[in-house]
Amino acid sequence: MMMVVAFAGCGVALVLALVRAAKGPTPFDRLLAVNAIGTLVILGIALHGFIMGRPEFVDISILYAVINFIGTFAILKLFSTGGLGDRGGKARVTRETDEG
């Protein structure tokens, strides 16, 4: 019975996060909503593994959490600098920086 309540709670939170991702007034609100959706998916994977009695699902959920974490920081860097490279999106390439 507790697992049904846990999955129902995750489902309600997922719907609320989807609404925030669709309506969010700023890109940062949308990013936080997508990050929350990723966290709920991680929780769902771990719950599913617990119900099925398969501890390997915890490893999968940890890997997904790391990917979610790195993706969030990549999007934040893209928002702040305009690019994902070393120079960012705002740096100009000159002959001196290109040769050296």
C-alpha atoms as a PDB file:
ATOM      1  CA  MET A   1       0.000   0.000   0.000  1.00  0.00           C
ATOM      2  CA  MET A   2       2.844   2.397   0.792  1.00  0.00           C
ATOM      3  CA  MET A   3       4.345   1.884  -2.651  1.00  0.00           C
ATOM      4  CA  VAL A   4       1.062   2.889  -4.274  1.00  0.00           C
ATOM      5  CA  VAL A   5       1.054   6.068  -2.200  1.00  0.00           C
ATOM      6  CA  ALA A   6       4.703   6.720  -3.103  1.00  0.00           C
ATOM      7  CA  PHE A   7       4.042   6.299  -6.833  1.00  0.00           C
ATOM      8  CA  ALA A   8       0.914   8.456  -6.584  1.00  0.00           C
ATOM      9  CA  GLY A   9       2.881  11.185  -4.838  1.00  0.00           C
ATOM     10  CA  CYS A  10       5.560  11.016  -7.523  1.00  0.00           C
ATOM     11  CA  GLY A  11       2.868  11.209 -10.188  1.00  0.00           C
ATOM     12  CA  VAL A  12       1.284  14.310  -8.662  1.00  0.00           C
ATOM     13  CA  ALA A  13       4.681  15.971  -8.296  1.00  0.00           C
ATOM     14  CA  LEU A  14       5.508  15.051 -11.899  1.00  0.00           C
ATOM     15  CA  VAL A  15       2.306  16.657 -13.190  1.00  0.00           C
ATOM     16  CA  LEU A  16       3.003  19.816 -11.186  1.00  0.00           C
ATOM     17  CA  ALA A  17       6.571  19.950 -12.519  1.00  0.00           C
ATOM     18  CA  LEU A  18       5.311  19.494 -16.087  1.00  0.00           C
ATOM     19  CA  VAL A  19       2.924  22.395 -15.623  1.00  0.00           C
ATOM     20  CA  ARG A  20       5.771  24.559 -14.296  1.00  0.00           C
ATOM     21  CA  ALA A  21       7.988  23.539 -17.219  1.00  0.00           C
ATOM     22  CA  ALA A  22       5.280  24.513 -19.686  1.00  0.00           C
ATOM     23  CA  LYS A  23       4.204  27.780 -18.044  1.00  0.00           C
ATOM     24  CA  GLY A  24       7.394  28.961 -16.335  1.00  0.00           C
ATOM     25  CA  PRO A  25       7.791  32.703 -16.834  1.00  0.00           C
ATOM     26  CA  THR A  26      11.599  32.530 -17.061  1.00  0.00           C
ATOM     27  CA  PRO A  27      13.993  29.980 -18.533  1.00  0.00           C
ATOM     28  CA  PHE A  28      15.390  29.354 -15.059  1.00  0.00           C
ATOM     29  CA  ASP A  29      11.943  28.309 -13.806  1.00  0.00           C
ATOM     30  CA  ARG A  30      11.723  25.883 -16.699  1.00  0.00           C
ATOM     31  CA  LEU A  31      15.211  24.572 -15.977  1.00  0.00           C
ATOM     32  CA  LEU A  32      14.339  23.949 -12.334  1.00  0.00           C
ATOM     33  CA  ALA A  33      11.151  22.167 -13.387  1.00  0.00           C
ATOM     34  CA  VAL A  34      13.051  19.919 -15.807  1.00  0.00           C
ATOM     35  CA  ASN A  35      15.589  19.211 -13.064  1.00  0.00           C
ATOM     36  CA  ALA A  36      12.721  18.291 -10.721  1.00  0.00           C
ATOM     37  CA  ILE A  37      11.302  15.978 -13.393  1.00  0.00           C
ATOM     38  CA  GLY A  38      14.697  14.287 -13.661  1.00  0.00           C
ATOM     39  CA  THR A  39      14.809  13.861  -9.891  1.00  0.00           C
ATOM     40  CA  LEU A  40      11.329  12.326  -9.905  1.00  0.00           C
ATOM     41  CA  VAL A  41      12.389   9.915 -12.654  1.00  0.00           C
ATOM     42  CA  ILE A  42      15.389   8.917 -10.518  1.00  0.00           C
ATOM     43  CA  LEU A  43      13.075   8.307  -7.572  1.00  0.00           C
ATOM     44  CA  GLY A  44      10.719   6.299  -9.793  1.00  0.00           C
ATOM     45  CA  ILE A  45      13.571   4.104 -11.042  1.00  0.00           C
ATOM     46  CA  ALA A  46      14.723   3.449  -7.480  1.00  0.00           C
ATOM     47  CA  LEU A  47      11.162   2.655  -6.321  1.00  0.00           C
ATOM     48  CA  HIS A  48      10.625   0.338  -9.264  1.00  0.00           C
ATOM     49  CA  GLY A  49      13.861  -1.491  -8.473  1.00  0.00           C
ATOM     50  CA  PHE A  50      12.812  -1.822  -4.830  1.00  0.00           C
ATOM     51  CA  ILE A  51       9.440  -3.286  -5.780  1.00  0.00           C
ATOM     52  CA  MET A  52      10.970  -5.731  -8.257  1.00  0.00           C
ATOM     53  CA  GLY A  53      13.716  -6.723  -5.812  1.00  0.00           C
ATOM     54  CA  ARG A  54      16.486  -5.700  -8.214  1.00  0.00           C
ATOM     55  CA  PRO A  55      19.238  -3.685  -6.531  1.00  0.00           C
ATOM     56  CA  GLU A  56      20.871  -2.972  -9.912  1.00  0.00           C
ATOM     57  CA  PHE A  57      18.278  -0.263 -10.447  1.00  0.00           C
ATOM     58  CA  VAL A  58      19.941   1.801  -7.729  1.00  0.00           C
ATOM     59  CA  ASP A  59      23.103   1.913  -9.858  1.00  0.00           C
ATOM     60  CA  ILE A  60      21.053   3.006 -12.852  1.00  0.00           C
ATOM     61  CA  SER A  61      19.360   5.731 -10.841  1.00  0.00           C
ATOM     62  CA  ILE A  62      22.715   7.006  -9.530  1.00  0.00           C
ATOM     63  CA  LEU A  63      24.071   7.182 -13.077  1.00  0.00           C
ATOM     64  CA  TYR A  64      20.969   9.050 -14.186  1.00  0.00           C
ATOM     65  CA  ALA A  65      21.400  11.450 -11.252  1.00  0.00           C
ATOM     66  CA  VAL A  66      24.966  12.239 -12.339  1.00  0.00           C
ATOM     67  CA  ILE A  67      23.826  12.847 -15.912  1.00  0.00           C
ATOM     68  CA  ASN A  68      21.002  15.082 -14.640  1.00  0.00           C
ATOM     69  CA  PHE A  69      23.474  17.040 -12.477  1.00  0.00           C
ATOM     70  CA  ILE A  70      25.983  17.564 -15.306  1.00  0.00           C
ATOM     71  CA  GLY A  71      23.216  18.486 -17.739  1.00  0.00           C
ATOM     72  CA  THR A  72      21.854  21.115 -15.371  1.00  0.00           C
ATOM     73  CA  PHE A  73      25.242  22.777 -15.051  1.00  0.00           C
ATOM     74  CA  ALA A  74      25.796  22.615 -18.810  1.00  0.00           C
ATOM     75  CA  ILE A  75      22.498  24.404 -19.441  1.00  0.00           C
ATOM     76  CA  LEU A  76      23.320  26.999 -16.770  1.00  0.00           C
ATOM     77  CA  LYS A  77      26.691  27.665 -18.426  1.00  0.00           C
ATOM     78  CA  LEU A  78      24.960  27.965 -21.776  1.00  0.00           C
ATOM     79  CA  PHE A  79      22.557  30.529 -20.283  1.00  0.00           C
ATOM     80  CA  SER A  80      25.300  32.562 -18.625  1.00  0.00           C
ATOM     81  CA  THR A  81      28.019  32.586 -21.321  1.00  0.00           C
ATOM     82  CA  GLY A  82      26.181  31.744 -24.505  1.00  0.00           C
ATOM     83  CA  GLY A  83      28.414  28.748 -25.233  1.00  0.00           C
ATOM     84  CA  LEU A  84      29.801  25.551 -23.776  1.00  0.00           C
ATOM     85  CA  GLY A  85      33.442  25.842 -24.884  1.00  0.00           C
ATOM     86  CA  ASP A  86      36.469  27.226 -23.059  1.00  0.00           C
ATOM     87  CA  ARG A  87      36.077  30.673 -24.531  1.00  0.00           C
ATOM     88  CA  GLY A  88      32.345  30.785 -23.998  1.00  0.00           C
ATOM     89  CA  GLY A  89      29.968  32.410 -26.424  1.00  0.00           C
ATOM     90  CA  LYS A  90      30.969  36.036 -25.789  1.00  0.00           C
ATOM     91  CA  ALA A  91      34.722  35.811 -26.465  1.00  0.00           C
ATOM     92  CA  ARG A  92      36.063  36.984 -29.788  1.00  0.00           C
ATOM     93  CA  VAL A  93      38.575  34.933 -31.701  1.00  0.00           C
ATOM     94  CA  THR A  94      41.552  36.968 -32.860  1.00  0.00           C
ATOM     95  CA  ARG A  95      44.647  35.924 -34.721  1.00  0.00           C
ATOM     96  CA  GLU A  96      46.737  36.004 -31.522  1.00  0.00           C
ATOM     97  CA  THR A  97      44.362  33.737 -29.588  1.00  0.00           C
ATOM     98  CA  ASP A  98      43.836  31.430 -32.551  1.00  0.00           C
ATOM     99  CA  GLU A  99      47.590  30.878 -33.153  1.00  0.00           C
ATOM    100  CA  GLY A 100      48.608  30.520 -29.516  1.00  0.00           C
END
